[in-house]
Amino acid sequence: MVVIGILGLLVGILAVAVIPKLTEAKNKLEVKQVGDLMAGFQNIAADDAKKRKLKDLKDVKGEKFYEAAFKKKLLEDGLLSKIVSLNSTTDSKADKAWIEQDGGEMPSNSVSYTAPKANDLLTVMSLKGKNRKIILTFNSRNWANYKDQGTIVQWSDGDTATYMTKDDATGEFSLDANAWDNSPGDIIGERPPFDRTFE
């Protein structure tokens, strides 16, 4: 009985002390992962051949943007594993097989982030100061992956991704608190500063 009691105490201590540290480590790695995705976008902006291919995608956006960008080699396939949030409970990383298949489609639930329309990507990336926009954030499925930190956002003029809290969203950006908590799809692609990125 004493051993069971000690084991229970240890499990309790682990839950209180270790799990929050693991989540904190993941949310820092998530920032790095979003940075890697942004480097992929910047690579498109710096490559004339990729910019021409980007025009061919027209208004493809969100998950379909990622699918088309990998198929057209706008994004390196090494980034495929980076489009799934490290703390996602709904999404899983896709393998590369579908990229080379004729008519191959990205498996469902293999993207955790939003993306602008292809024909708007370079414009959004250039927006600065009071005109800045969020280029990518979590999609609705992953919106609350780090509830204590907020949802990850990459600003068009930001050096690194940050987390936006509900207080930031409702205060500085006048977003609806209920939508923030319960229907992020009413914010993503709809309300500034999220209005130029899509699921």
N, C-alpha and C. Protein backbone atom coordinates (compact mmCIF):
# COMPACT_ATOMS: atom_id res chain seq x y z
N MET A 1 0.82 -1.21 0.00
CA MET A 1 0.00 0.00 0.00
C MET A 1 0.86 1.27 0.00
N VAL A 2 1.95 1.19 0.78
CA VAL A 2 2.85 2.35 0.84
C VAL A 2 3.45 2.61 -0.53
N VAL A 3 3.85 1.52 -1.23
CA VAL A 3 4.45 1.65 -2.57
C VAL A 3 3.45 2.28 -3.54
N ILE A 4 2.21 1.84 -3.47
CA ILE A 4 1.17 2.40 -4.35
C ILE A 4 0.98 3.88 -4.06
N GLY A 5 0.98 4.23 -2.77
CA GLY A 5 0.84 5.63 -2.39
C GLY A 5 2.00 6.47 -2.91
N ILE A 6 3.22 5.92 -2.81
CA ILE A 6 4.40 6.64 -3.29
C ILE A 6 4.34 6.80 -4.81
N LEU A 7 3.94 5.73 -5.51
CA LEU A 7 3.81 5.80 -6.96
C LEU A 7 2.79 6.85 -7.38
N GLY A 8 1.66 6.88 -6.66
CA GLY A 8 0.65 7.89 -6.95
C GLY A 8 1.17 9.30 -6.75
N LEU A 9 1.93 9.48 -5.69
CA LEU A 9 2.53 10.79 -5.41
C LEU A 9 3.50 11.19 -6.51
N LEU A 10 4.33 10.22 -6.96
CA LEU A 10 5.29 10.50 -8.03
C LEU A 10 4.59 10.87 -9.34
N VAL A 11 3.53 10.16 -9.66
CA VAL A 11 2.77 10.47 -10.87
C VAL A 11 2.20 11.88 -10.77
N GLY A 12 1.67 12.23 -9.60
CA GLY A 12 1.15 13.58 -9.39
C GLY A 12 2.21 14.64 -9.55
N ILE A 13 3.39 14.39 -9.00
CA ILE A 13 4.50 15.34 -9.11
C ILE A 13 4.91 15.50 -10.58
N LEU A 14 4.99 14.36 -11.30
CA LEU A 14 5.35 14.42 -12.72
C LEU A 14 4.34 15.24 -13.51
N ALA A 15 3.06 15.02 -13.22
CA ALA A 15 2.02 15.74 -13.95
C ALA A 15 2.12 17.24 -13.71
N VAL A 16 2.43 17.63 -12.47
CA VAL A 16 2.51 19.05 -12.13
C VAL A 16 3.81 19.70 -12.60
N ALA A 17 4.91 18.96 -12.51
CA ALA A 17 6.23 19.55 -12.78
C ALA A 17 6.74 19.33 -14.20
N VAL A 18 6.52 18.15 -14.75
CA VAL A 18 7.16 17.80 -16.02
C VAL A 18 6.31 18.18 -17.23
N ILE A 19 5.02 17.90 -17.21
CA ILE A 19 4.17 18.13 -18.38
C ILE A 19 4.17 19.60 -18.80
N PRO A 20 4.02 20.56 -17.86
CA PRO A 20 4.10 21.96 -18.30
C PRO A 20 5.45 22.31 -18.93
N LYS A 21 6.53 21.73 -18.44
CA LYS A 21 7.86 22.00 -19.02
C LYS A 21 7.94 21.45 -20.45
N LEU A 22 7.36 20.27 -20.67
CA LEU A 22 7.37 19.68 -22.01
C LEU A 22 6.55 20.54 -22.97
N THR A 23 5.39 21.03 -22.51
CA THR A 23 4.56 21.90 -23.35
C THR A 23 5.30 23.19 -23.67
N GLU A 24 5.99 23.75 -22.68
CA GLU A 24 6.75 24.98 -22.91
C GLU A 24 7.86 24.76 -23.93
N ALA A 25 8.53 23.61 -23.83
CA ALA A 25 9.58 23.29 -24.80
C ALA A 25 8.98 23.15 -26.20
N LYS A 26 7.81 22.51 -26.30
CA LYS A 26 7.16 22.35 -27.60
C LYS A 26 6.76 23.69 -28.20
N ASN A 27 6.26 24.60 -27.35
CA ASN A 27 5.80 25.86 -27.93
C ASN A 27 6.98 26.68 -28.44
N LYS A 28 8.16 26.51 -27.85
CA LYS A 28 9.36 27.18 -28.36
C LYS A 28 9.81 26.54 -29.68
N LEU A 29 9.72 25.22 -29.75
CA LEU A 29 10.06 24.52 -30.99
C LEU A 29 9.07 24.86 -32.11
N GLU A 30 7.83 25.10 -31.72
CA GLU A 30 6.80 25.48 -32.70
C GLU A 30 7.19 26.80 -33.38
N VAL A 31 7.72 27.74 -32.59
CA VAL A 31 8.19 29.02 -33.15
C VAL A 31 9.29 28.77 -34.17
N LYS A 32 10.20 27.86 -33.85
CA LYS A 32 11.29 27.52 -34.78
C LYS A 32 10.72 26.88 -36.05
N GLN A 33 9.73 26.01 -35.88
CA GLN A 33 9.12 25.33 -37.02
C GLN A 33 8.44 26.33 -37.96
N VAL A 34 7.71 27.29 -37.39
CA VAL A 34 7.07 28.32 -38.20
C VAL A 34 8.14 29.15 -38.91
N GLY A 35 9.26 29.39 -38.25
CA GLY A 35 10.39 30.08 -38.88
C GLY A 35 10.90 29.32 -40.09
N ASP A 36 10.95 28.01 -40.00
CA ASP A 36 11.38 27.20 -41.15
C ASP A 36 10.40 27.32 -42.32
N LEU A 37 9.10 27.35 -41.99
CA LEU A 37 8.09 27.54 -43.04
C LEU A 37 8.22 28.91 -43.69
N MET A 38 8.46 29.93 -42.86
CA MET A 38 8.64 31.29 -43.40
C MET A 38 9.87 31.35 -44.29
N ALA A 39 10.92 30.63 -43.93
CA ALA A 39 12.12 30.58 -44.78
C ALA A 39 11.76 29.98 -46.14
N GLY A 40 10.85 28.99 -46.13
CA GLY A 40 10.38 28.41 -47.39
C GLY A 40 9.63 29.44 -48.23
N PHE A 41 8.78 30.24 -47.58
CA PHE A 41 8.06 31.31 -48.29
C PHE A 41 9.05 32.34 -48.84
N GLN A 42 10.04 32.69 -48.04
CA GLN A 42 11.04 33.68 -48.47
C GLN A 42 11.87 33.16 -49.65
N ASN A 43 12.07 31.86 -49.65
CA ASN A 43 12.79 31.25 -50.77
C ASN A 43 12.00 31.39 -52.07
N ILE A 44 10.68 31.27 -51.97
CA ILE A 44 9.83 31.49 -53.15
C ILE A 44 9.99 32.93 -53.63
N ALA A 45 9.94 33.88 -52.68
CA ALA A 45 10.02 35.30 -53.02
C ALA A 45 11.36 35.68 -53.66
N ALA A 46 12.41 34.90 -53.37
CA ALA A 46 13.75 35.23 -53.86
C ALA A 46 14.10 34.50 -55.15
N ASP A 47 13.22 33.63 -55.64
CA ASP A 47 13.53 32.78 -56.80
C ASP A 47 12.56 33.12 -57.94
N ASP A 48 13.08 33.68 -59.02
CA ASP A 48 12.22 34.11 -60.13
C ASP A 48 11.41 32.97 -60.75
N ALA A 49 12.04 31.79 -60.87
CA ALA A 49 11.32 30.65 -61.45
C ALA A 49 10.16 30.23 -60.55
N LYS A 50 10.40 30.25 -59.25
CA LYS A 50 9.34 29.89 -58.31
C LYS A 50 8.24 30.95 -58.32
N LYS A 51 8.61 32.20 -58.47
CA LYS A 51 7.59 33.26 -58.51
C LYS A 51 6.69 33.09 -59.73
N ARG A 52 7.27 32.65 -60.86
CA ARG A 52 6.45 32.40 -62.05
C ARG A 52 5.48 31.24 -61.81
N LYS A 53 5.98 30.17 -61.17
CA LYS A 53 5.11 29.03 -60.85
C LYS A 53 4.02 29.44 -59.87
N LEU A 54 4.37 30.33 -58.94
CA LEU A 54 3.40 30.80 -57.95
C LEU A 54 2.22 31.46 -58.63
N LYS A 55 2.48 32.24 -59.68
CA LYS A 55 1.39 32.91 -60.42
C LYS A 55 0.42 31.89 -61.00
N ASP A 56 0.94 30.72 -61.41
CA ASP A 56 0.08 29.69 -61.99
C ASP A 56 -0.94 29.14 -60.98
N LEU A 57 -0.64 29.29 -59.70
CA LEU A 57 -1.54 28.75 -58.66
C LEU A 57 -2.74 29.66 -58.40
N LYS A 58 -2.67 30.87 -58.92
CA LYS A 58 -3.77 31.85 -58.82
C LYS A 58 -4.22 32.05 -57.37
N ASP A 59 -5.51 31.76 -57.07
CA ASP A 59 -6.01 32.07 -55.73
C ASP A 59 -6.11 30.85 -54.81
N VAL A 60 -5.31 29.82 -55.10
CA VAL A 60 -5.27 28.65 -54.22
C VAL A 60 -4.79 29.13 -52.85
N LYS A 61 -5.42 28.63 -51.79
CA LYS A 61 -5.10 29.14 -50.45
C LYS A 61 -5.15 28.04 -49.40
N GLY A 62 -4.62 28.35 -48.22
CA GLY A 62 -4.70 27.44 -47.08
C GLY A 62 -4.09 26.08 -47.36
N GLU A 63 -4.80 25.04 -46.95
CA GLU A 63 -4.29 23.67 -47.13
C GLU A 63 -3.98 23.37 -48.59
N LYS A 64 -4.85 23.85 -49.48
CA LYS A 64 -4.65 23.59 -50.91
C LYS A 64 -3.40 24.32 -51.43
N PHE A 65 -3.06 25.46 -50.81
CA PHE A 65 -1.82 26.14 -51.18
C PHE A 65 -0.63 25.23 -50.87
N TYR A 66 -0.60 24.67 -49.67
CA TYR A 66 0.52 23.79 -49.30
C TYR A 66 0.59 22.59 -50.24
N GLU A 67 -0.56 22.00 -50.53
CA GLU A 67 -0.59 20.85 -51.43
C GLU A 67 0.02 21.22 -52.79
N ALA A 68 -0.45 22.33 -53.37
CA ALA A 68 0.05 22.76 -54.69
C ALA A 68 1.52 23.16 -54.63
N ALA A 69 1.92 23.81 -53.53
CA ALA A 69 3.31 24.28 -53.41
C ALA A 69 4.28 23.11 -53.35
N PHE A 70 3.89 22.02 -52.71
CA PHE A 70 4.76 20.83 -52.69
C PHE A 70 4.75 20.13 -54.05
N LYS A 71 3.58 20.05 -54.68
CA LYS A 71 3.49 19.40 -55.99
C LYS A 71 4.32 20.14 -57.04
N LYS A 72 4.31 21.48 -56.97
CA LYS A 72 5.03 22.30 -57.96
C LYS A 72 6.47 22.59 -57.55
N LYS A 73 6.89 22.00 -56.42
CA LYS A 73 8.28 22.17 -55.92
C LYS A 73 8.59 23.63 -55.52
N LEU A 74 7.56 24.36 -55.15
CA LEU A 74 7.78 25.70 -54.61
C LEU A 74 8.32 25.61 -53.19
N LEU A 75 7.84 24.62 -52.47
CA LEU A 75 8.36 24.32 -51.13
C LEU A 75 9.11 23.00 -51.19
N GLU A 76 10.27 22.96 -50.55
CA GLU A 76 11.06 21.73 -50.51
C GLU A 76 10.29 20.67 -49.73
N ASP A 77 10.38 19.40 -50.18
CA ASP A 77 9.60 18.36 -49.49
C ASP A 77 10.09 18.09 -48.07
N GLY A 78 11.27 18.61 -47.71
CA GLY A 78 11.73 18.52 -46.33
C GLY A 78 10.85 19.31 -45.37
N LEU A 79 10.07 20.25 -45.91
CA LEU A 79 9.16 21.04 -45.07
C LEU A 79 7.84 20.33 -44.82
N LEU A 80 7.63 19.21 -45.49
CA LEU A 80 6.36 18.49 -45.35
C LEU A 80 6.06 18.13 -43.90
N SER A 81 7.10 17.73 -43.17
CA SER A 81 6.89 17.35 -41.77
C SER A 81 6.68 18.57 -40.88
N LYS A 82 6.98 19.76 -41.41
CA LYS A 82 6.91 20.97 -40.58
C LYS A 82 5.57 21.68 -40.68
N ILE A 83 4.66 21.17 -41.49
CA ILE A 83 3.36 21.82 -41.61
C ILE A 83 2.33 21.20 -40.66
N VAL A 84 2.81 20.32 -39.78
CA VAL A 84 1.95 19.75 -38.74
C VAL A 84 2.46 20.27 -37.39
N SER A 85 1.55 20.85 -36.62
CA SER A 85 1.91 21.39 -35.31
C SER A 85 2.47 20.29 -34.41
N LEU A 86 3.47 20.66 -33.63
CA LEU A 86 4.10 19.71 -32.71
C LEU A 86 3.15 19.28 -31.60
N ASN A 87 2.11 20.06 -31.35
CA ASN A 87 1.19 19.74 -30.25
C ASN A 87 -0.21 19.40 -30.77
N SER A 88 -0.30 19.03 -32.05
CA SER A 88 -1.60 18.72 -32.64
C SER A 88 -2.14 17.39 -32.12
N THR A 89 -3.42 17.38 -31.81
CA THR A 89 -4.09 16.13 -31.43
C THR A 89 -4.95 15.61 -32.58
N THR A 90 -4.99 16.36 -33.68
CA THR A 90 -5.87 16.00 -34.80
C THR A 90 -5.12 15.67 -36.08
N ASP A 91 -3.89 16.18 -36.22
CA ASP A 91 -3.17 16.07 -37.49
C ASP A 91 -1.98 15.12 -37.38
N SER A 92 -1.61 14.56 -38.53
CA SER A 92 -0.42 13.70 -38.55
C SER A 92 0.38 13.98 -39.82
N LYS A 93 1.68 13.78 -39.71
CA LYS A 93 2.58 14.09 -40.82
C LYS A 93 2.36 13.12 -41.97
N ALA A 94 2.34 13.67 -43.18
CA ALA A 94 2.17 12.86 -44.38
C ALA A 94 3.54 12.43 -44.90
N ASP A 95 3.58 11.28 -45.56
CA ASP A 95 4.83 10.91 -46.23
C ASP A 95 4.89 11.63 -47.58
N LYS A 96 5.95 11.40 -48.35
CA LYS A 96 6.16 12.15 -49.59
C LYS A 96 5.56 11.46 -50.82
N ALA A 97 5.04 10.25 -50.66
CA ALA A 97 4.62 9.46 -51.82
C ALA A 97 3.60 10.20 -52.70
N TRP A 98 2.65 10.89 -52.12
CA TRP A 98 1.59 11.54 -52.88
C TRP A 98 2.12 12.66 -53.79
N ILE A 99 3.28 13.22 -53.44
CA ILE A 99 3.81 14.35 -54.22
C ILE A 99 4.15 13.92 -55.64
N GLU A 100 4.72 12.74 -55.79
CA GLU A 100 5.16 12.26 -57.11
C GLU A 100 4.05 11.56 -57.89
N GLN A 101 2.94 11.23 -57.25
CA GLN A 101 1.85 10.52 -57.93
C GLN A 101 1.07 11.46 -58.84
N ASP A 102 0.72 10.99 -60.03
CA ASP A 102 -0.18 11.76 -60.89
C ASP A 102 -1.52 11.87 -60.19
N GLY A 103 -2.00 13.07 -60.01
CA GLY A 103 -3.27 13.26 -59.32
C GLY A 103 -3.21 13.01 -57.83
N GLY A 104 -2.00 12.82 -57.30
CA GLY A 104 -1.85 12.57 -55.86
C GLY A 104 -2.32 13.77 -55.05
N GLU A 105 -3.01 13.49 -53.96
CA GLU A 105 -3.50 14.55 -53.10
C GLU A 105 -2.89 14.42 -51.72
N MET A 106 -2.67 15.55 -51.08
CA MET A 106 -2.15 15.54 -49.73
C MET A 106 -3.17 14.86 -48.82
N PRO A 107 -2.73 13.93 -47.98
CA PRO A 107 -3.68 13.28 -47.08
C PRO A 107 -4.38 14.30 -46.18
N SER A 108 -5.63 14.00 -45.84
CA SER A 108 -6.38 14.92 -44.99
C SER A 108 -5.72 15.03 -43.61
N ASN A 109 -5.95 16.15 -42.98
CA ASN A 109 -5.41 16.44 -41.65
C ASN A 109 -3.88 16.31 -41.58
N SER A 110 -3.21 16.76 -42.62
CA SER A 110 -1.74 16.76 -42.59
C SER A 110 -1.18 18.18 -42.68
N VAL A 111 -2.05 19.18 -42.41
CA VAL A 111 -1.64 20.58 -42.36
C VAL A 111 -2.29 21.21 -41.12
N SER A 112 -1.48 21.87 -40.31
CA SER A 112 -2.00 22.51 -39.09
C SER A 112 -2.04 24.03 -39.19
N TYR A 113 -1.50 24.59 -40.28
CA TYR A 113 -1.37 26.04 -40.40
C TYR A 113 -2.18 26.59 -41.57
N THR A 114 -2.40 27.88 -41.53
CA THR A 114 -3.06 28.60 -42.61
C THR A 114 -2.01 29.09 -43.61
N ALA A 115 -2.49 29.63 -44.73
CA ALA A 115 -1.60 30.25 -45.72
C ALA A 115 -2.40 31.25 -46.54
N PRO A 116 -1.74 32.31 -47.03
CA PRO A 116 -2.43 33.27 -47.90
C PRO A 116 -2.79 32.64 -49.25
N LYS A 117 -3.56 33.37 -50.05
CA LYS A 117 -3.79 32.97 -51.44
C LYS A 117 -2.45 33.05 -52.16
N ALA A 118 -2.22 32.12 -53.07
CA ALA A 118 -0.94 32.09 -53.80
C ALA A 118 -0.67 33.42 -54.49
N ASN A 119 -1.70 33.99 -55.15
CA ASN A 119 -1.48 35.23 -55.88
C ASN A 119 -1.39 36.46 -54.98
N ASP A 120 -1.50 36.26 -53.66
CA ASP A 120 -1.41 37.35 -52.69
C ASP A 120 -0.21 37.17 -51.76
N LEU A 121 0.44 36.03 -51.84
CA LEU A 121 1.52 35.71 -50.89
C LEU A 121 2.60 36.77 -50.87
N LEU A 122 3.14 37.13 -52.02
CA LEU A 122 4.26 38.08 -52.06
C LEU A 122 3.83 39.47 -51.57
N THR A 123 2.61 39.85 -51.89
CA THR A 123 2.10 41.14 -51.40
C THR A 123 1.97 41.13 -49.89
N VAL A 124 1.37 40.08 -49.35
CA VAL A 124 1.21 39.98 -47.89
C VAL A 124 2.57 39.99 -47.20
N MET A 125 3.54 39.28 -47.78
CA MET A 125 4.86 39.23 -47.17
C MET A 125 5.52 40.61 -47.10
N SER A 126 5.11 41.51 -47.97
CA SER A 126 5.75 42.84 -48.03
C SER A 126 5.09 43.87 -47.12
N LEU A 127 3.98 43.51 -46.48
CA LEU A 127 3.24 44.49 -45.67
C LEU A 127 3.94 44.74 -44.33
N LYS A 128 4.07 46.03 -43.99
CA LYS A 128 4.82 46.40 -42.79
C LYS A 128 4.05 47.42 -41.96
N GLY A 129 4.50 47.58 -40.71
CA GLY A 129 3.94 48.61 -39.83
C GLY A 129 2.45 48.48 -39.64
N LYS A 130 1.73 49.59 -39.78
CA LYS A 130 0.28 49.56 -39.54
C LYS A 130 -0.47 48.73 -40.58
N ASN A 131 0.17 48.42 -41.70
CA ASN A 131 -0.46 47.60 -42.75
C ASN A 131 -0.16 46.11 -42.61
N ARG A 132 0.63 45.75 -41.63
CA ARG A 132 1.06 44.35 -41.50
C ARG A 132 -0.13 43.42 -41.31
N LYS A 133 0.07 42.18 -41.73
CA LYS A 133 -0.95 41.14 -41.62
C LYS A 133 -0.32 39.87 -41.08
N ILE A 134 -1.16 38.96 -40.65
CA ILE A 134 -0.68 37.64 -40.23
C ILE A 134 -0.61 36.76 -41.47
N ILE A 135 0.57 36.24 -41.72
CA ILE A 135 0.79 35.37 -42.89
C ILE A 135 0.30 33.95 -42.59
N LEU A 136 0.65 33.45 -41.43
CA LEU A 136 0.18 32.12 -41.07
C LEU A 136 -0.07 32.03 -39.57
N THR A 137 -0.99 31.14 -39.24
CA THR A 137 -1.38 30.87 -37.86
C THR A 137 -1.90 29.43 -37.83
N PHE A 138 -2.32 28.97 -36.69
CA PHE A 138 -2.94 27.65 -36.62
C PHE A 138 -4.30 27.69 -37.31
N ASN A 139 -4.68 26.57 -37.94
CA ASN A 139 -6.04 26.46 -38.47
C ASN A 139 -7.00 26.17 -37.30
N SER A 140 -8.28 26.08 -37.59
CA SER A 140 -9.29 25.90 -36.53
C SER A 140 -9.05 24.65 -35.69
N ARG A 141 -8.63 23.57 -36.33
CA ARG A 141 -8.40 22.32 -35.58
C ARG A 141 -7.32 22.48 -34.53
N ASN A 142 -6.36 23.35 -34.78
CA ASN A 142 -5.18 23.47 -33.93
C ASN A 142 -5.12 24.79 -33.15
N TRP A 143 -6.16 25.60 -33.29
CA TRP A 143 -6.19 26.94 -32.72
C TRP A 143 -5.77 26.97 -31.25
N ALA A 144 -6.24 26.00 -30.47
CA ALA A 144 -5.99 26.00 -29.02
C ALA A 144 -4.91 25.00 -28.61
N ASN A 145 -3.98 24.71 -29.51
CA ASN A 145 -2.91 23.74 -29.18
C ASN A 145 -2.10 24.15 -27.96
N TYR A 146 -1.93 25.45 -27.77
CA TYR A 146 -1.18 25.96 -26.61
C TYR A 146 -2.07 26.97 -25.89
N LYS A 147 -3.08 26.46 -25.24
CA LYS A 147 -4.12 27.30 -24.66
C LYS A 147 -3.57 28.40 -23.76
N ASP A 148 -2.55 28.06 -22.96
CA ASP A 148 -1.99 29.05 -22.03
C ASP A 148 -1.20 30.15 -22.74
N GLN A 149 -0.58 29.82 -23.87
CA GLN A 149 0.24 30.81 -24.60
C GLN A 149 -0.58 31.62 -25.60
N GLY A 150 -1.65 31.03 -26.13
CA GLY A 150 -2.43 31.66 -27.18
C GLY A 150 -2.25 30.88 -28.48
N THR A 151 -2.56 31.50 -29.59
CA THR A 151 -2.36 30.85 -30.88
C THR A 151 -1.15 31.47 -31.57
N ILE A 152 -0.39 30.64 -32.26
CA ILE A 152 0.84 31.13 -32.88
C ILE A 152 0.49 32.02 -34.08
N VAL A 153 1.25 33.10 -34.25
CA VAL A 153 1.05 33.99 -35.39
C VAL A 153 2.40 34.40 -35.96
N GLN A 154 2.49 34.42 -37.29
CA GLN A 154 3.66 34.95 -37.98
C GLN A 154 3.20 36.20 -38.70
N TRP A 155 3.69 37.35 -38.22
CA TRP A 155 3.36 38.63 -38.85
C TRP A 155 4.18 38.82 -40.12
N SER A 156 3.63 39.58 -41.04
CA SER A 156 4.33 39.85 -42.30
C SER A 156 5.64 40.59 -42.08
N ASP A 157 5.73 41.39 -41.02
CA ASP A 157 6.97 42.11 -40.75
C ASP A 157 7.70 41.57 -39.51
N GLY A 158 7.34 40.37 -39.08
CA GLY A 158 7.95 39.80 -37.89
C GLY A 158 9.18 38.96 -38.21
N ASP A 159 10.19 39.08 -37.36
CA ASP A 159 11.39 38.25 -37.53
C ASP A 159 11.12 36.81 -37.12
N THR A 160 10.31 36.63 -36.09
CA THR A 160 9.97 35.28 -35.62
C THR A 160 8.48 35.25 -35.30
N ALA A 161 7.95 34.05 -35.21
CA ALA A 161 6.56 33.89 -34.81
C ALA A 161 6.42 34.23 -33.32
N THR A 162 5.21 34.61 -32.94
CA THR A 162 4.89 34.88 -31.54
C THR A 162 3.53 34.23 -31.26
N TYR A 163 3.12 34.33 -30.01
CA TYR A 163 1.79 33.83 -29.65
C TYR A 163 0.88 35.01 -29.34
N MET A 164 -0.33 34.96 -29.89
CA MET A 164 -1.33 35.98 -29.61
C MET A 164 -2.33 35.40 -28.62
N THR A 165 -2.55 36.11 -27.53
CA THR A 165 -3.52 35.67 -26.53
C THR A 165 -4.90 36.23 -26.85
N LYS A 166 -5.90 35.68 -26.20
CA LYS A 166 -7.25 36.20 -26.36
C LYS A 166 -7.32 37.66 -25.92
N ASP A 167 -6.60 38.01 -24.85
CA ASP A 167 -6.60 39.40 -24.38
C ASP A 167 -6.05 40.34 -25.46
N ASP A 168 -4.96 39.91 -26.12
CA ASP A 168 -4.41 40.71 -27.23
C ASP A 168 -5.46 40.86 -28.34
N ALA A 169 -6.09 39.74 -28.67
CA ALA A 169 -7.02 39.71 -29.79
C ALA A 169 -8.24 40.58 -29.55
N THR A 170 -8.78 40.51 -28.33
CA THR A 170 -10.00 41.27 -28.04
C THR A 170 -9.69 42.73 -27.71
N GLY A 171 -8.50 42.98 -27.18
CA GLY A 171 -8.12 44.34 -26.83
C GLY A 171 -7.58 45.10 -28.02
N GLU A 172 -6.38 44.77 -28.40
CA GLU A 172 -5.69 45.51 -29.47
C GLU A 172 -6.38 45.39 -30.83
N PHE A 173 -6.96 44.21 -31.12
CA PHE A 173 -7.50 43.97 -32.47
C PHE A 173 -9.03 43.90 -32.52
N SER A 174 -9.68 44.09 -31.39
CA SER A 174 -11.16 44.13 -31.31
C SER A 174 -11.84 42.89 -31.87
N LEU A 175 -11.19 41.74 -31.70
CA LEU A 175 -11.80 40.49 -32.15
C LEU A 175 -12.78 39.98 -31.09
N ASP A 176 -13.75 39.21 -31.53
CA ASP A 176 -14.79 38.71 -30.64
C ASP A 176 -14.27 37.58 -29.76
N ALA A 177 -14.43 37.71 -28.46
CA ALA A 177 -13.91 36.72 -27.51
C ALA A 177 -14.57 35.36 -27.70
N ASN A 178 -15.88 35.34 -27.98
CA ASN A 178 -16.58 34.08 -28.18
C ASN A 178 -16.07 33.37 -29.43
N ALA A 179 -15.85 34.13 -30.50
CA ALA A 179 -15.30 33.54 -31.73
C ALA A 179 -13.90 33.01 -31.47
N TRP A 180 -13.10 33.76 -30.71
CA TRP A 180 -11.75 33.32 -30.39
C TRP A 180 -11.77 31.96 -29.70
N ASP A 181 -12.69 31.80 -28.76
CA ASP A 181 -12.75 30.55 -27.98
C ASP A 181 -13.46 29.41 -28.71
N ASN A 182 -14.49 29.74 -29.47
CA ASN A 182 -15.38 28.68 -29.97
C ASN A 182 -15.48 28.55 -31.49
N SER A 183 -15.17 29.59 -32.23
CA SER A 183 -15.30 29.48 -33.69
C SER A 183 -14.23 30.29 -34.40
N PRO A 184 -12.97 29.85 -34.30
CA PRO A 184 -11.88 30.58 -34.95
C PRO A 184 -12.06 30.70 -36.46
N GLY A 185 -12.87 29.83 -37.05
CA GLY A 185 -13.16 29.93 -38.48
C GLY A 185 -13.86 31.24 -38.85
N ASP A 186 -14.47 31.90 -37.84
CA ASP A 186 -15.08 33.21 -38.07
C ASP A 186 -14.04 34.33 -38.04
N ILE A 187 -12.83 34.00 -37.64
CA ILE A 187 -11.73 34.97 -37.57
C ILE A 187 -10.76 34.76 -38.73
N ILE A 188 -10.35 33.50 -38.93
CA ILE A 188 -9.35 33.18 -39.96
C ILE A 188 -9.92 33.47 -41.35
N GLY A 189 -9.19 34.30 -42.10
CA GLY A 189 -9.63 34.66 -43.45
C GLY A 189 -10.78 35.65 -43.48
N GLU A 190 -11.19 36.13 -42.29
CA GLU A 190 -12.36 37.01 -42.22
C GLU A 190 -12.05 38.35 -41.55
N ARG A 191 -11.41 38.30 -40.39
CA ARG A 191 -11.24 39.51 -39.59
C ARG A 191 -9.78 39.94 -39.53
N PRO A 192 -9.49 41.23 -39.71
CA PRO A 192 -8.12 41.73 -39.56
C PRO A 192 -7.61 41.45 -38.14
N PRO A 193 -6.37 41.10 -37.98
CA PRO A 193 -5.30 41.00 -38.98
C PRO A 193 -5.17 39.61 -39.61
N PHE A 194 -6.20 38.75 -39.42
CA PHE A 194 -6.18 37.38 -39.95
C PHE A 194 -6.85 37.27 -41.32
N ASP A 195 -7.21 38.40 -41.93
CA ASP A 195 -8.07 38.37 -43.12
C ASP A 195 -7.34 38.03 -44.41
N ARG A 196 -6.02 37.89 -44.39
CA ARG A 196 -5.28 37.54 -45.63
C ARG A 196 -4.63 36.16 -45.53
N THR A 197 -5.05 35.36 -44.54
CA THR A 197 -4.55 33.99 -44.42
C THR A 197 -5.76 33.07 -44.22
N PHE A 198 -5.66 31.85 -44.75
CA PHE A 198 -6.85 31.01 -44.87
C PHE A 198 -6.56 29.56 -44.48
N GLU A 199 -7.66 28.85 -44.15
CA GLU A 199 -7.53 27.43 -43.80
C GLU A 199 -7.50 26.57 -45.04
